[in-house]
Amino acid sequence: MKIAFVGKGGSGKTTLSSLFIRHLAASRVPVIAVDADINQHLGAALGLDEAEASALPAMGAQLPLIKDYLRGSNPRIPSAESMIKTTPPGEGSRLLRVGEDNPVYDACVRTVELDAGAVRLMATGPFTESDLGVACYHSKVGAVELCLNHLVDGREEYVVVDMTAGSDSFASGMFTRFDMTFLVAEPTRKGVAVYRQYKEYARDFGVPLKVVGNKVQGPEDLAFLRDETGDDLLVAVGHSDWVRAMEKGRPARFAQLEEANRHALETLHHTADAAYGRRDWERYTRQMVHFHLKNAESWGNAKTGVDLAAQVDPAFVLSEGAATPQPA
């Protein structure tokens, strides 16, 4: 299951995504955690110290390797250099699976040991001073999007992505890559502004969306969120002494998280799991192709010098049963 956490900057989406990841790990569910926010705070939220977090390999720096591996023997892609972030898989492409080992994971994944389990962590990499005037952060997130396009995951396998703050994922098709999107919203006008933007796009593309209220201090805050988000409001989270201790670098064992917050995480888990029954791999593949053709026409063809529409394999549908060739 592919799960996204989105919201405005400062909403607490990284904190809540890290709590959900910890909950899944404690439930002994295989998890790949992805920090797709260029501010790169997910590692620290999962307990890494500053040196460990800064040492995480950047997916953006491994883009040539990622492209070359995923291209496989796909005859529609003459070279890895012609691949862009939206390139869809086809016959001969190599696919990624949550529990396997492969060269992409070898280069980009680090295992994070938690007190109640372990997760695999991937990070886009920060936007550095050397990138100024040369690249935009969308080029960093492009490695994540390309991997998601080639990822096959099952019901009891989770990929949890902490997304870039705000509504910037609409700049590509990445917001359609998820089985469930949890939008973290504070009980303020600014807090629900991103929700309104996401709601419109989610409706147009059939993206499941639920709101997680955060920093809710009482009935008035809860009533405000209900008025603004209606039935999309799934759960509300208030103050947490456990989170405060974690943010100070002195977390208690995860089992000591407050009961109300444990119940909120269980609700997120049940909601995400229920989305499995609504999976539509054919629609997923159509949307992938739609955004690839859109990007090809707007900038991709000019950048690569080839007709990227030729990369689309009309007979291919990504699915749990899709075959992938083995590395030579």
Protein backbone atom coordinates (compact mmCIF):
# COMPACT_ATOMS: atom_id res chain seq x y z
CA MET A 1 0.00 0.00 0.00
CA LYS A 2 1.33 3.42 -0.97
CA ILE A 3 0.47 6.10 1.60
CA ALA A 4 1.21 9.83 1.39
CA PHE A 5 1.28 12.38 4.20
CA VAL A 6 0.75 15.94 2.97
CA GLY A 7 -0.01 19.33 4.50
CA LYS A 8 1.30 22.83 4.83
CA GLY A 9 4.69 23.51 6.35
CA GLY A 10 4.55 23.25 10.12
CA SER A 11 1.32 21.25 10.16
CA GLY A 12 3.06 18.26 11.75
CA LYS A 13 2.90 15.95 8.73
CA THR A 14 6.43 14.64 9.29
CA THR A 15 5.73 13.93 12.95
CA LEU A 16 2.50 12.11 12.12
CA SER A 17 4.03 10.18 9.23
CA SER A 18 6.85 9.05 11.55
CA LEU A 19 4.33 7.93 14.18
CA PHE A 20 2.43 5.96 11.54
CA ILE A 21 5.67 4.37 10.37
CA ARG A 22 6.51 3.41 13.96
CA HIS A 23 3.01 1.96 14.37
CA LEU A 24 3.40 -0.17 11.24
CA ALA A 25 6.83 -1.37 12.34
CA ALA A 26 5.41 -2.30 15.75
CA SER A 27 2.70 -4.25 13.91
CA ARG A 28 5.47 -6.18 12.12
CA VAL A 29 4.38 -4.86 8.73
CA PRO A 30 7.14 -4.42 6.08
CA VAL A 31 7.69 -0.68 5.58
CA ILE A 32 9.67 1.50 3.22
CA ALA A 33 9.67 5.08 4.49
CA VAL A 34 10.42 7.81 1.95
CA ASP A 35 11.39 11.36 2.82
CA ALA A 36 10.25 13.27 -0.28
CA ASP A 37 10.36 16.65 1.47
CA ILE A 38 13.50 18.58 0.59
CA ASN A 39 13.68 19.82 4.19
CA GLN A 40 14.57 16.22 5.13
CA HIS A 41 13.24 15.82 8.69
CA LEU A 42 11.84 12.27 8.55
CA GLY A 43 15.11 10.60 9.54
CA ALA A 44 15.36 12.71 12.69
CA ALA A 45 11.69 12.03 13.47
CA LEU A 46 12.51 8.31 13.31
CA GLY A 47 15.29 8.76 15.85
CA LEU A 48 18.42 9.33 13.75
CA ASP A 49 20.89 11.81 15.14
CA GLU A 50 22.12 14.71 13.04
CA ALA A 51 25.15 12.86 11.70
CA GLU A 52 23.12 9.75 10.81
CA ALA A 53 20.41 11.79 9.11
CA SER A 54 22.90 13.81 7.07
CA ALA A 55 24.63 10.59 5.98
CA LEU A 56 21.51 9.19 4.33
CA PRO A 57 22.19 8.61 0.61
CA ALA A 58 20.34 11.02 -1.67
CA MET A 59 18.07 9.35 -4.23
CA GLY A 60 18.54 12.34 -6.53
CA ALA A 61 22.28 11.64 -6.67
CA GLN A 62 21.56 8.04 -7.72
CA LEU A 63 19.19 8.93 -10.56
CA PRO A 64 21.44 7.51 -13.34
CA LEU A 65 21.66 4.18 -11.50
CA ILE A 66 17.90 4.17 -10.84
CA LYS A 67 17.10 4.84 -14.50
CA ASP A 68 19.52 2.24 -15.78
CA TYR A 69 18.17 -0.45 -13.45
CA LEU A 70 14.48 0.26 -14.05
CA ARG A 71 14.92 0.49 -17.81
CA GLY A 72 15.89 -3.16 -17.88
CA SER A 73 15.43 -4.58 -21.40
CA ASN A 74 12.43 -2.41 -22.30
CA PRO A 75 12.78 -2.02 -26.10
CA ARG A 76 10.75 1.22 -26.06
CA ILE A 77 13.45 3.01 -24.05
CA PRO A 78 16.63 3.18 -26.15
CA SER A 79 18.74 4.68 -23.34
CA ALA A 80 18.54 5.48 -19.65
CA GLU A 81 19.28 9.11 -20.52
CA SER A 82 15.95 9.35 -22.35
CA MET A 83 13.98 8.47 -19.22
CA ILE A 84 12.29 11.25 -17.27
CA LYS A 85 10.60 11.18 -13.86
CA THR A 86 7.24 10.13 -15.33
CA THR A 87 8.51 7.37 -17.64
CA PRO A 88 6.13 4.44 -17.16
CA PRO A 89 7.18 0.79 -17.08
CA GLY A 90 6.53 -1.56 -19.97
CA GLU A 91 7.46 -5.05 -21.08
CA GLY A 92 11.08 -5.62 -20.12
CA SER A 93 11.17 -2.95 -17.42
CA ARG A 94 12.44 -3.95 -14.01
CA LEU A 95 9.96 -3.43 -11.19
CA LEU A 96 10.59 -2.76 -7.52
CA ARG A 97 9.03 -4.79 -4.71
CA VAL A 98 8.93 -3.83 -1.05
CA GLY A 99 10.64 -6.84 0.50
CA GLU A 100 13.30 -7.58 -2.10
CA ASP A 101 16.96 -6.62 -2.41
CA ASN A 102 18.09 -4.87 -5.58
CA PRO A 103 20.73 -2.37 -6.74
CA VAL A 104 18.38 0.61 -6.22
CA TYR A 105 17.81 -0.30 -2.59
CA ASP A 106 21.50 -1.09 -2.13
CA ALA A 107 22.32 2.47 -3.20
CA CYS A 108 19.42 4.38 -1.66
CA VAL A 109 18.01 2.48 1.33
CA ARG A 110 19.25 2.47 4.90
CA THR A 111 17.68 0.35 7.63
CA VAL A 112 16.51 2.25 10.70
CA GLU A 113 16.15 0.21 13.88
CA LEU A 114 13.19 1.27 16.02
CA ASP A 115 12.40 0.00 19.51
CA ALA A 116 9.47 -1.98 18.12
CA GLY A 117 10.82 -3.05 14.75
CA ALA A 118 12.83 -1.80 11.79
CA VAL A 119 12.04 0.08 8.58
CA ARG A 120 13.83 0.83 5.35
CA LEU A 121 14.35 4.56 4.82
CA MET A 122 14.93 6.40 1.54
CA ALA A 123 15.44 10.15 1.11
CA THR A 124 15.37 12.45 -1.90
CA GLY A 125 18.28 14.44 -0.57
CA PRO A 126 18.28 18.10 0.47
CA PHE A 127 18.29 21.08 -1.86
CA THR A 128 21.85 22.31 -1.47
CA GLU A 129 23.65 25.55 -2.25
CA SER A 130 25.27 23.89 -5.28
CA ASP A 131 21.79 23.39 -6.76
CA LEU A 132 20.99 27.11 -6.80
CA GLY A 133 20.56 28.39 -10.34
CA VAL A 134 21.09 24.87 -11.71
CA ALA A 135 18.23 22.67 -10.54
CA CYS A 136 14.85 22.92 -8.89
CA TYR A 137 13.67 20.66 -6.11
CA HIS A 138 11.30 18.88 -8.52
CA SER A 139 14.41 17.23 -9.99
CA LYS A 140 15.15 15.81 -6.53
CA VAL A 141 11.64 14.42 -6.07
CA GLY A 142 11.74 13.01 -9.61
CA ALA A 143 13.73 10.01 -8.37
CA VAL A 144 10.91 9.19 -5.95
CA GLU A 145 8.28 9.50 -8.67
CA LEU A 146 10.20 7.23 -11.04
CA CYS A 147 10.52 4.58 -8.34
CA LEU A 148 6.83 4.80 -7.44
CA ASN A 149 5.95 4.32 -11.12
CA HIS A 150 7.85 1.02 -11.08
CA LEU A 151 6.80 -0.15 -7.61
CA VAL A 152 4.59 -3.19 -7.07
CA ASP A 153 3.30 -3.54 -3.52
CA GLY A 154 0.76 -5.76 -1.80
CA ARG A 155 -1.78 -5.37 0.97
CA GLU A 156 0.53 -6.09 3.91
CA GLU A 157 3.40 -4.07 2.46
CA TYR A 158 3.60 -0.34 3.07
CA VAL A 159 5.41 2.52 1.38
CA VAL A 160 4.88 5.69 3.42
CA VAL A 161 5.94 8.96 1.79
CA ASP A 162 6.41 12.22 3.67
CA MET A 163 5.64 14.65 0.84
CA THR A 164 6.87 18.18 0.12
CA ALA A 165 4.87 20.76 2.07
CA GLY A 166 1.96 22.53 0.39
CA SER A 167 0.42 21.58 -2.93
CA ASP A 168 3.62 21.27 -4.97
CA SER A 169 3.10 17.59 -5.77
CA PHE A 170 0.46 18.78 -8.26
CA ALA A 171 3.33 19.95 -10.48
CA SER A 172 3.58 16.34 -11.62
CA GLY A 173 1.40 13.30 -11.38
CA MET A 174 2.91 12.08 -8.12
CA PHE A 175 -0.20 12.92 -6.12
CA THR A 176 -2.03 10.14 -8.03
CA ARG A 177 0.52 7.48 -7.05
CA PHE A 178 -1.05 6.65 -3.69
CA ASP A 179 -3.72 4.30 -2.38
CA MET A 180 -4.49 6.78 0.41
CA THR A 181 -3.47 10.36 1.10
CA PHE A 182 -3.59 11.63 4.68
CA LEU A 183 -3.72 15.41 4.77
CA VAL A 184 -2.54 16.84 8.08
CA ALA A 185 -4.39 20.04 8.95
CA GLU A 186 -4.24 22.38 11.93
CA PRO A 187 -7.50 23.99 13.10
CA THR A 188 -6.75 27.33 11.41
CA ARG A 189 -7.71 28.99 8.13
CA LYS A 190 -4.20 28.47 6.78
CA GLY A 191 -4.27 24.92 8.05
CA VAL A 192 -7.23 23.96 5.87
CA ALA A 193 -6.20 25.98 2.80
CA VAL A 194 -4.04 23.15 1.41
CA TYR A 195 -6.93 20.76 2.05
CA ARG A 196 -9.18 22.73 -0.32
CA GLN A 197 -6.55 22.56 -3.05
CA TYR A 198 -5.98 18.84 -2.57
CA LYS A 199 -9.69 18.13 -2.38
CA GLU A 200 -10.28 19.56 -5.86
CA TYR A 201 -7.48 17.58 -7.49
CA ALA A 202 -8.29 14.42 -5.54
CA ARG A 203 -11.87 14.54 -6.77
CA ASP A 204 -10.84 15.00 -10.39
CA PHE A 205 -8.47 12.02 -10.34
CA GLY A 206 -10.23 9.72 -7.90
CA VAL A 207 -7.51 10.00 -5.25
CA PRO A 208 -8.66 8.82 -1.78
CA LEU A 209 -8.16 11.63 0.72
CA LYS A 210 -8.69 11.81 4.47
CA VAL A 211 -7.91 14.66 6.88
CA VAL A 212 -5.94 14.15 10.07
CA GLY A 213 -6.52 17.04 12.45
CA ASN A 214 -3.38 17.98 14.37
CA LYS A 215 -2.70 20.28 17.33
CA VAL A 216 -6.37 20.02 18.29
CA GLN A 217 -6.76 21.48 21.77
CA GLY A 218 -10.47 21.13 22.45
CA PRO A 219 -14.04 20.86 21.16
CA GLU A 220 -13.90 24.23 19.38
CA ASP A 221 -10.88 23.18 17.35
CA LEU A 222 -12.54 19.90 16.47
CA ALA A 223 -15.78 21.66 15.48
CA PHE A 224 -13.83 24.05 13.24
CA LEU A 225 -12.17 21.18 11.38
CA ARG A 226 -15.50 19.39 10.97
CA ASP A 227 -17.08 22.53 9.56
CA GLU A 228 -14.21 23.02 7.10
CA THR A 229 -13.54 19.42 6.03
CA GLY A 230 -16.82 17.59 6.67
CA ASP A 231 -16.76 13.83 6.32
CA ASP A 232 -13.15 13.91 5.13
CA LEU A 233 -12.03 14.45 8.75
CA LEU A 234 -10.89 11.01 9.91
CA VAL A 235 -9.20 11.54 13.28
CA ALA A 236 -7.86 14.37 15.42
CA VAL A 237 -4.62 14.38 17.38
CA GLY A 238 -3.89 16.65 20.33
CA HIS A 239 -0.89 17.33 22.54
CA SER A 240 1.51 14.44 23.08
CA ASP A 241 4.10 14.31 25.85
CA TRP A 242 5.63 11.33 24.02
CA VAL A 243 6.14 13.42 20.88
CA ARG A 244 7.54 16.33 22.89
CA ALA A 245 10.12 13.99 24.47
CA MET A 246 10.93 12.52 21.05
CA GLU A 247 11.52 15.99 19.63
CA LYS A 248 13.98 16.61 22.49
CA GLY A 249 15.83 13.44 21.54
CA ARG A 250 14.66 11.53 24.62
CA PRO A 251 11.75 9.37 23.43
CA ALA A 252 10.15 6.76 25.63
CA ARG A 253 9.41 3.33 24.20
CA PHE A 254 6.75 3.55 21.51
CA ALA A 255 4.41 1.35 23.54
CA GLN A 256 4.10 4.27 25.97
CA LEU A 257 2.51 6.58 23.38
CA GLU A 258 -0.74 7.96 24.75
CA GLU A 259 -3.75 5.67 24.33
CA ALA A 260 -5.77 8.23 22.35
CA ASN A 261 -2.93 8.69 19.89
CA ARG A 262 -2.41 4.92 19.56
CA HIS A 263 -6.09 4.61 18.68
CA ALA A 264 -5.70 7.39 16.08
CA LEU A 265 -2.84 5.48 14.44
CA GLU A 266 -4.90 2.29 14.43
CA THR A 267 -7.65 4.20 12.63
CA LEU A 268 -5.16 5.36 10.00
CA HIS A 269 -3.95 1.78 9.57
CA HIS A 270 -7.47 0.37 9.19
CA THR A 271 -8.40 3.13 6.72
CA ALA A 272 -5.29 2.53 4.62
CA ASP A 273 -5.85 -1.22 4.65
CA ALA A 274 -9.48 -0.79 3.55
CA ALA A 275 -8.28 1.13 0.48
CA TYR A 276 -6.80 -2.10 -0.88
CA GLY A 277 -10.21 -3.31 -1.97
CA ARG A 278 -10.61 -0.24 -4.17
CA ARG A 279 -7.34 -0.66 -6.05
CA ASP A 280 -7.67 -0.25 -9.81
CA TRP A 281 -4.35 -1.03 -11.49
CA GLU A 282 -5.70 -0.18 -14.94
CA ARG A 283 -6.72 3.32 -13.84
CA TYR A 284 -3.42 3.67 -12.01
CA THR A 285 -1.54 2.83 -15.21
CA ARG A 286 -3.72 5.17 -17.31
CA GLN A 287 -3.01 8.05 -14.96
CA MET A 288 0.69 7.26 -15.07
CA VAL A 289 0.63 7.42 -18.87
CA HIS A 290 -1.53 10.58 -18.83
CA PHE A 291 0.99 12.54 -16.79
CA HIS A 292 3.92 11.14 -18.74
CA LEU A 293 2.45 12.36 -22.03
CA LYS A 294 1.65 15.71 -20.43
CA ASN A 295 5.22 16.13 -19.18
CA ALA A 296 6.64 14.90 -22.47
CA GLU A 297 4.76 17.54 -24.43
CA SER A 298 5.41 20.41 -22.03
CA TRP A 299 9.16 19.90 -21.48
CA GLY A 300 10.37 16.30 -21.73
CA ASN A 301 10.63 15.98 -25.51
CA ALA A 302 12.60 19.19 -25.77
CA LYS A 303 14.94 18.22 -22.94
CA THR A 304 15.71 14.71 -24.15
CA GLY A 305 15.49 15.31 -27.90
CA VAL A 306 13.29 12.24 -28.43
CA ASP A 307 9.57 11.56 -28.68
CA LEU A 308 8.80 10.31 -25.19
CA ALA A 309 5.32 9.17 -26.21
CA ALA A 310 7.07 6.21 -27.83
CA GLN A 311 8.02 4.99 -24.34
CA VAL A 312 4.40 4.07 -23.59
CA ASP A 313 3.63 0.37 -23.89
CA PRO A 314 -0.13 0.27 -24.64
CA ALA A 315 -0.43 -3.41 -23.69
CA PHE A 316 1.25 -3.09 -20.29
CA VAL A 317 -0.70 -2.78 -17.02
CA LEU A 318 1.21 -2.50 -13.76
CA SER A 319 -0.14 -4.97 -11.21
CA GLU A 320 0.89 -7.23 -8.36
CA GLY A 321 1.24 -10.07 -10.85
CA ALA A 322 3.40 -8.14 -13.29
CA ALA A 323 6.62 -9.92 -14.16
CA THR A 324 10.03 -8.28 -14.03
CA PRO A 325 13.21 -9.56 -15.69
CA GLN A 326 16.05 -10.48 -13.37
CA PRO A 327 19.33 -8.58 -13.41
CA ALA A 328 21.97 -10.09 -15.61
